[in-house]
């Protein structure tokens, strides 16, 4: 599989540099993912914009983690699952959540498990869910707004998961301790 090397700010077009600077502010470094996306400045900018919009959604930080990690797990994105594991650790979120997703175990919180199941079904079925699947999500205590916000989170992950699959993006040093491999 071909690799796409990340660009530096010196190599990137102005539009991509803006996204790289946003990433630097948000994460304290420019992740290799953003450096790879910089080859297509609109992709880098779109990713950072969608990430910001999703961060401002009505879903809590833990719920956002469930959506992002579940979509990445479904898409077997090693880079993103490592990144979300590191992010969960830095935010001091319940480690059971990310470990359950990484290891394909149920999340002990039933509402978060319903969110995980909904996100996974949305990702794996390309959003072709029957009424029972949609109703189970609503019955767990989520709203129509949040149903649509899950789509926003999946969109963010589609941009990054697909980029990482094509680029074989290398894990950044801060993510090394959170590496994940899909089960054989």
C-alpha atoms as a PDB file:
ATOM      1  CA  UNK A   1       0.000   0.000   0.000  1.00  0.00           C
ATOM      2  CA  UNK A   2       1.421   3.428  -0.866  1.00  0.00           C
ATOM      3  CA  UNK A   3       2.239   5.836   1.933  1.00  0.00           C
ATOM      4  CA  UNK A   4       1.570   9.535   1.819  1.00  0.00           C
ATOM      5  CA  UNK A   5       4.120  11.470   3.820  1.00  0.00           C
ATOM      6  CA  UNK A   6       2.828  14.318   6.006  1.00  0.00           C
ATOM      7  CA  UNK A   7       3.646  17.829   4.888  1.00  0.00           C
ATOM      8  CA  UNK A   8       5.174  20.447   7.162  1.00  0.00           C
ATOM      9  CA  UNK A   9       3.854  23.999   7.349  1.00  0.00           C
ATOM     10  CA  UNK A  10       6.743  25.079   5.089  1.00  0.00           C
ATOM     11  CA  UNK A  11       5.596  22.631   2.398  1.00  0.00           C
ATOM     12  CA  UNK A  12       1.833  23.184   2.638  1.00  0.00           C
ATOM     13  CA  UNK A  13      -0.440  25.665   0.892  1.00  0.00           C
ATOM     14  CA  UNK A  14      -1.858  28.541   2.965  1.00  0.00           C
ATOM     15  CA  UNK A  15      -5.299  26.910   3.382  1.00  0.00           C
ATOM     16  CA  UNK A  16      -3.674  23.779   4.789  1.00  0.00           C
ATOM     17  CA  UNK A  17      -1.353  25.821   7.021  1.00  0.00           C
ATOM     18  CA  UNK A  18      -4.445  27.321   8.658  1.00  0.00           C
ATOM     19  CA  UNK A  19      -5.735  23.817   9.478  1.00  0.00           C
ATOM     20  CA  UNK A  20      -2.284  22.797  10.707  1.00  0.00           C
ATOM     21  CA  UNK A  21      -2.163  25.807  13.037  1.00  0.00           C
ATOM     22  CA  UNK A  22      -5.634  24.948  14.371  1.00  0.00           C
ATOM     23  CA  UNK A  23      -4.417  21.410  15.063  1.00  0.00           C
ATOM     24  CA  UNK A  24      -1.297  22.752  16.787  1.00  0.00           C
ATOM     25  CA  UNK A  25      -3.514  24.853  19.063  1.00  0.00           C
ATOM     26  CA  UNK A  26      -5.925  21.994  19.774  1.00  0.00           C
ATOM     27  CA  UNK A  27      -3.421  19.173  20.316  1.00  0.00           C
ATOM     28  CA  UNK A  28      -0.106  20.859  21.080  1.00  0.00           C
ATOM     29  CA  UNK A  29       1.414  19.387  17.906  1.00  0.00           C
ATOM     30  CA  UNK A  30       0.420  18.859  14.282  1.00  0.00           C
ATOM     31  CA  UNK A  31      -0.688  15.224  14.026  1.00  0.00           C
ATOM     32  CA  UNK A  32       0.584  13.240  11.061  1.00  0.00           C
ATOM     33  CA  UNK A  33      -3.067  12.905   9.996  1.00  0.00           C
ATOM     34  CA  UNK A  34      -3.342  16.668   9.441  1.00  0.00           C
ATOM     35  CA  UNK A  35       0.037  16.717   7.714  1.00  0.00           C
ATOM     36  CA  UNK A  36      -1.195  14.038   5.321  1.00  0.00           C
ATOM     37  CA  UNK A  37      -4.499  15.845   4.786  1.00  0.00           C
ATOM     38  CA  UNK A  38      -2.508  18.997   3.956  1.00  0.00           C
ATOM     39  CA  UNK A  39      -1.830  17.514   0.510  1.00  0.00           C
ATOM     40  CA  UNK A  40      -5.496  18.379  -0.176  1.00  0.00           C
ATOM     41  CA  UNK A  41      -5.987  21.656   1.716  1.00  0.00           C
ATOM     42  CA  UNK A  42      -9.776  21.466   1.484  1.00  0.00           C
ATOM     43  CA  UNK A  43      -9.708  18.074   3.204  1.00  0.00           C
ATOM     44  CA  UNK A  44      -7.582  19.388   6.077  1.00  0.00           C
ATOM     45  CA  UNK A  45      -9.831  22.418   6.463  1.00  0.00           C
ATOM     46  CA  UNK A  46     -13.020  20.316   6.211  1.00  0.00           C
ATOM     47  CA  UNK A  47     -11.749  17.882   8.846  1.00  0.00           C
ATOM     48  CA  UNK A  48     -10.900  20.633  11.320  1.00  0.00           C
ATOM     49  CA  UNK A  49     -14.241  22.370  10.654  1.00  0.00           C
ATOM     50  CA  UNK A  50     -16.315  19.203  11.100  1.00  0.00           C
ATOM     51  CA  UNK A  51     -14.327  18.322  14.235  1.00  0.00           C
ATOM     52  CA  UNK A  52     -15.105  21.754  15.680  1.00  0.00           C
ATOM     53  CA  UNK A  53     -18.797  21.466  14.818  1.00  0.00           C
ATOM     54  CA  UNK A  54     -19.018  18.014  16.381  1.00  0.00           C
ATOM     55  CA  UNK A  55     -17.211  19.222  19.507  1.00  0.00           C
ATOM     56  CA  UNK A  56     -19.944  21.874  19.835  1.00  0.00           C
ATOM     57  CA  UNK A  57     -22.767  19.310  19.518  1.00  0.00           C
ATOM     58  CA  UNK A  58     -25.225  18.509  22.294  1.00  0.00           C
ATOM     59  CA  UNK A  59     -23.403  15.227  22.993  1.00  0.00           C
ATOM     60  CA  UNK A  60     -21.168  15.138  26.094  1.00  0.00           C
ATOM     61  CA  UNK A  61     -17.421  14.547  25.852  1.00  0.00           C
ATOM     62  CA  UNK A  62     -17.944  10.868  26.744  1.00  0.00           C
ATOM     63  CA  UNK A  63     -20.720  10.513  24.161  1.00  0.00           C
ATOM     64  CA  UNK A  64     -18.547  12.157  21.507  1.00  0.00           C
ATOM     65  CA  UNK A  65     -15.777   9.698  22.363  1.00  0.00           C
ATOM     66  CA  UNK A  66     -18.206   6.796  21.942  1.00  0.00           C
ATOM     67  CA  UNK A  67     -19.253   8.023  18.490  1.00  0.00           C
ATOM     68  CA  UNK A  68     -15.726   8.758  17.253  1.00  0.00           C
ATOM     69  CA  UNK A  69     -14.129   5.613  18.667  1.00  0.00           C
ATOM     70  CA  UNK A  70     -17.010   3.347  17.591  1.00  0.00           C
ATOM     71  CA  UNK A  71     -16.891   4.610  14.010  1.00  0.00           C
ATOM     72  CA  UNK A  72     -13.100   4.226  13.977  1.00  0.00           C
ATOM     73  CA  UNK A  73     -13.398   0.707  15.425  1.00  0.00           C
ATOM     74  CA  UNK A  74     -15.971  -0.255  12.792  1.00  0.00           C
ATOM     75  CA  UNK A  75     -13.702   1.105  10.078  1.00  0.00           C
ATOM     76  CA  UNK A  76     -10.649  -0.574  11.682  1.00  0.00           C
ATOM     77  CA  UNK A  77      -8.709   2.690  11.735  1.00  0.00           C
ATOM     78  CA  UNK A  78      -5.631   1.993  13.814  1.00  0.00           C
ATOM     79  CA  UNK A  79      -4.466   5.609  13.817  1.00  0.00           C
ATOM     80  CA  UNK A  80      -7.785   7.078  14.949  1.00  0.00           C
ATOM     81  CA  UNK A  81      -8.454   4.496  17.633  1.00  0.00           C
ATOM     82  CA  UNK A  82      -5.009   5.210  19.078  1.00  0.00           C
ATOM     83  CA  UNK A  83      -5.705   8.956  18.889  1.00  0.00           C
ATOM     84  CA  UNK A  84      -9.071   8.631  20.641  1.00  0.00           C
ATOM     85  CA  UNK A  85      -7.534   6.390  23.293  1.00  0.00           C
ATOM     86  CA  UNK A  86      -4.879   9.029  23.966  1.00  0.00           C
ATOM     87  CA  UNK A  87      -7.501  11.779  23.978  1.00  0.00           C
ATOM     88  CA  UNK A  88      -9.694   9.883  26.433  1.00  0.00           C
ATOM     89  CA  UNK A  89      -6.715   9.441  28.727  1.00  0.00           C
ATOM     90  CA  UNK A  90      -5.758  13.124  28.532  1.00  0.00           C
ATOM     91  CA  UNK A  91      -9.360  14.198  29.207  1.00  0.00           C
ATOM     92  CA  UNK A  92      -9.544  11.741  32.119  1.00  0.00           C
ATOM     93  CA  UNK A  93     -12.659  10.100  30.667  1.00  0.00           C
ATOM     94  CA  UNK A  94     -13.814   6.727  32.010  1.00  0.00           C
ATOM     95  CA  UNK A  95     -11.210   4.251  30.731  1.00  0.00           C
ATOM     96  CA  UNK A  96     -13.863   1.494  30.598  1.00  0.00           C
ATOM     97  CA  UNK A  97     -15.480   3.267  27.658  1.00  0.00           C
ATOM     98  CA  UNK A  98     -12.491   3.273  25.345  1.00  0.00           C
ATOM     99  CA  UNK A  99     -11.254  -0.140  26.494  1.00  0.00           C
ATOM    100  CA  UNK A 100     -14.691  -1.644  25.829  1.00  0.00           C
ATOM    101  CA  UNK A 101     -14.715  -0.220  22.306  1.00  0.00           C
ATOM    102  CA  UNK A 102     -11.104  -1.209  21.584  1.00  0.00           C
ATOM    103  CA  UNK A 103     -11.722  -4.775  22.794  1.00  0.00           C
ATOM    104  CA  UNK A 104     -15.257  -5.162  21.410  1.00  0.00           C
ATOM    105  CA  UNK A 105     -16.846  -5.564  24.848  1.00  0.00           C
ATOM    106  CA  UNK A 106     -20.122  -3.956  25.964  1.00  0.00           C
ATOM    107  CA  UNK A 107     -19.838  -0.593  27.706  1.00  0.00           C
ATOM    108  CA  UNK A 108     -21.146  -0.899  31.273  1.00  0.00           C
ATOM    109  CA  UNK A 109     -23.220   2.291  30.946  1.00  0.00           C
ATOM    110  CA  UNK A 110     -26.364   1.156  29.084  1.00  0.00           C
ATOM    111  CA  UNK A 111     -27.055   4.572  27.518  1.00  0.00           C
ATOM    112  CA  UNK A 112     -23.519   4.811  26.150  1.00  0.00           C
ATOM    113  CA  UNK A 113     -23.779   1.212  24.936  1.00  0.00           C
ATOM    114  CA  UNK A 114     -26.949   2.144  23.031  1.00  0.00           C
ATOM    115  CA  UNK A 115     -25.044   5.051  21.453  1.00  0.00           C
ATOM    116  CA  UNK A 116     -22.223   2.698  20.520  1.00  0.00           C
ATOM    117  CA  UNK A 117     -24.631   0.189  18.965  1.00  0.00           C
ATOM    118  CA  UNK A 118     -26.384   2.940  17.024  1.00  0.00           C
ATOM    119  CA  UNK A 119     -23.101   4.425  15.762  1.00  0.00           C
ATOM    120  CA  UNK A 120     -21.756   1.014  14.790  1.00  0.00           C
ATOM    121  CA  UNK A 121     -24.974   0.122  12.967  1.00  0.00           C
ATOM    122  CA  UNK A 122     -24.950   3.491  11.184  1.00  0.00           C
ATOM    123  CA  UNK A 123     -21.336   2.992  10.089  1.00  0.00           C
ATOM    124  CA  UNK A 124     -21.620  -0.641   9.066  1.00  0.00           C
ATOM    125  CA  UNK A 125     -25.005  -0.287   7.327  1.00  0.00           C
ATOM    126  CA  UNK A 126     -24.307   3.084   5.701  1.00  0.00           C
ATOM    127  CA  UNK A 127     -27.208   4.541   7.747  1.00  0.00           C
ATOM    128  CA  UNK A 128     -29.800   2.096   6.394  1.00  0.00           C
ATOM    129  CA  UNK A 129     -31.333   1.406   9.801  1.00  0.00           C
ATOM    130  CA  UNK A 130     -34.788   0.017  10.395  1.00  0.00           C
ATOM    131  CA  UNK A 131     -37.301   1.729  12.657  1.00  0.00           C
ATOM    132  CA  UNK A 132     -36.529  -0.590  15.572  1.00  0.00           C
ATOM    133  CA  UNK A 133     -32.839   0.401  15.530  1.00  0.00           C
ATOM    134  CA  UNK A 134     -33.730   4.076  15.415  1.00  0.00           C
ATOM    135  CA  UNK A 135     -36.332   3.691  18.153  1.00  0.00           C
ATOM    136  CA  UNK A 136     -33.891   1.834  20.413  1.00  0.00           C
ATOM    137  CA  UNK A 137     -31.575   4.842  20.186  1.00  0.00           C
ATOM    138  CA  UNK A 138     -34.400   7.242  21.068  1.00  0.00           C
ATOM    139  CA  UNK A 139     -35.646   4.933  23.844  1.00  0.00           C
ATOM    140  CA  UNK A 140     -32.162   5.019  25.407  1.00  0.00           C
ATOM    141  CA  UNK A 141     -32.720   8.719  26.080  1.00  0.00           C
ATOM    142  CA  UNK A 142     -31.316  10.350  22.976  1.00  0.00           C
ATOM    143  CA  UNK A 143     -33.070  12.907  20.784  1.00  0.00           C
ATOM    144  CA  UNK A 144     -33.614  13.317  17.062  1.00  0.00           C
ATOM    145  CA  UNK A 145     -31.042  16.116  17.171  1.00  0.00           C
ATOM    146  CA  UNK A 146     -28.486  13.733  18.670  1.00  0.00           C
ATOM    147  CA  UNK A 147     -29.347  11.093  16.080  1.00  0.00           C
ATOM    148  CA  UNK A 148     -28.360  13.602  13.415  1.00  0.00           C
ATOM    149  CA  UNK A 149     -25.297  14.722  15.376  1.00  0.00           C
ATOM    150  CA  UNK A 150     -24.055  11.124  15.285  1.00  0.00           C
ATOM    151  CA  UNK A 151     -23.968  11.569  11.503  1.00  0.00           C
ATOM    152  CA  UNK A 152     -21.736  14.610  12.015  1.00  0.00           C
ATOM    153  CA  UNK A 153     -19.333  12.539  14.131  1.00  0.00           C
ATOM    154  CA  UNK A 154     -19.327   9.710  11.610  1.00  0.00           C
ATOM    155  CA  UNK A 155     -18.583  12.269   8.890  1.00  0.00           C
ATOM    156  CA  UNK A 156     -15.553  13.462  10.846  1.00  0.00           C
ATOM    157  CA  UNK A 157     -14.351   9.877  11.192  1.00  0.00           C
ATOM    158  CA  UNK A 158     -15.009   9.031   7.559  1.00  0.00           C
ATOM    159  CA  UNK A 159     -12.669  11.842   6.534  1.00  0.00           C
ATOM    160  CA  UNK A 160      -9.906  10.684   8.863  1.00  0.00           C
ATOM    161  CA  UNK A 161     -10.417   6.911   8.690  1.00  0.00           C
ATOM    162  CA  UNK A 162     -10.380   6.884   4.895  1.00  0.00           C
ATOM    163  CA  UNK A 163      -7.350   9.190   4.767  1.00  0.00           C
ATOM    164  CA  UNK A 164      -5.458   6.947   7.165  1.00  0.00           C
ATOM    165  CA  UNK A 165      -6.353   3.821   5.213  1.00  0.00           C
ATOM    166  CA  UNK A 166      -5.007   5.271   1.967  1.00  0.00           C
ATOM    167  CA  UNK A 167      -1.988   6.971   3.522  1.00  0.00           C
ATOM    168  CA  UNK A 168      -1.017   4.296   6.068  1.00  0.00           C
ATOM    169  CA  UNK A 169      -0.476   7.253   8.392  1.00  0.00           C
ATOM    170  CA  UNK A 170       2.239   6.603  10.957  1.00  0.00           C
ATOM    171  CA  UNK A 171       1.355   7.034  14.615  1.00  0.00           C
ATOM    172  CA  UNK A 172       2.715  10.207  16.145  1.00  0.00           C
ATOM    173  CA  UNK A 173       5.069   9.805  19.102  1.00  0.00           C
ATOM    174  CA  UNK A 174       2.402  10.863  21.669  1.00  0.00           C
ATOM    175  CA  UNK A 175       0.091   8.118  20.350  1.00  0.00           C
ATOM    176  CA  UNK A 176       2.594   5.253  20.367  1.00  0.00           C
ATOM    177  CA  UNK A 177       1.541   3.927  23.772  1.00  0.00           C
ATOM    178  CA  UNK A 178      -2.078   3.678  22.586  1.00  0.00           C
ATOM    179  CA  UNK A 179      -1.468   1.619  19.436  1.00  0.00           C
ATOM    180  CA  UNK A 180      -4.293  -0.730  18.464  1.00  0.00           C
ATOM    181  CA  UNK A 181      -4.515  -3.560  15.951  1.00  0.00           C
ATOM    182  CA  UNK A 182      -7.778  -4.975  14.635  1.00  0.00           C
ATOM    183  CA  UNK A 183      -8.378  -8.567  15.677  1.00  0.00           C
ATOM    184  CA  UNK A 184      -7.281 -11.193  13.173  1.00  0.00           C
END
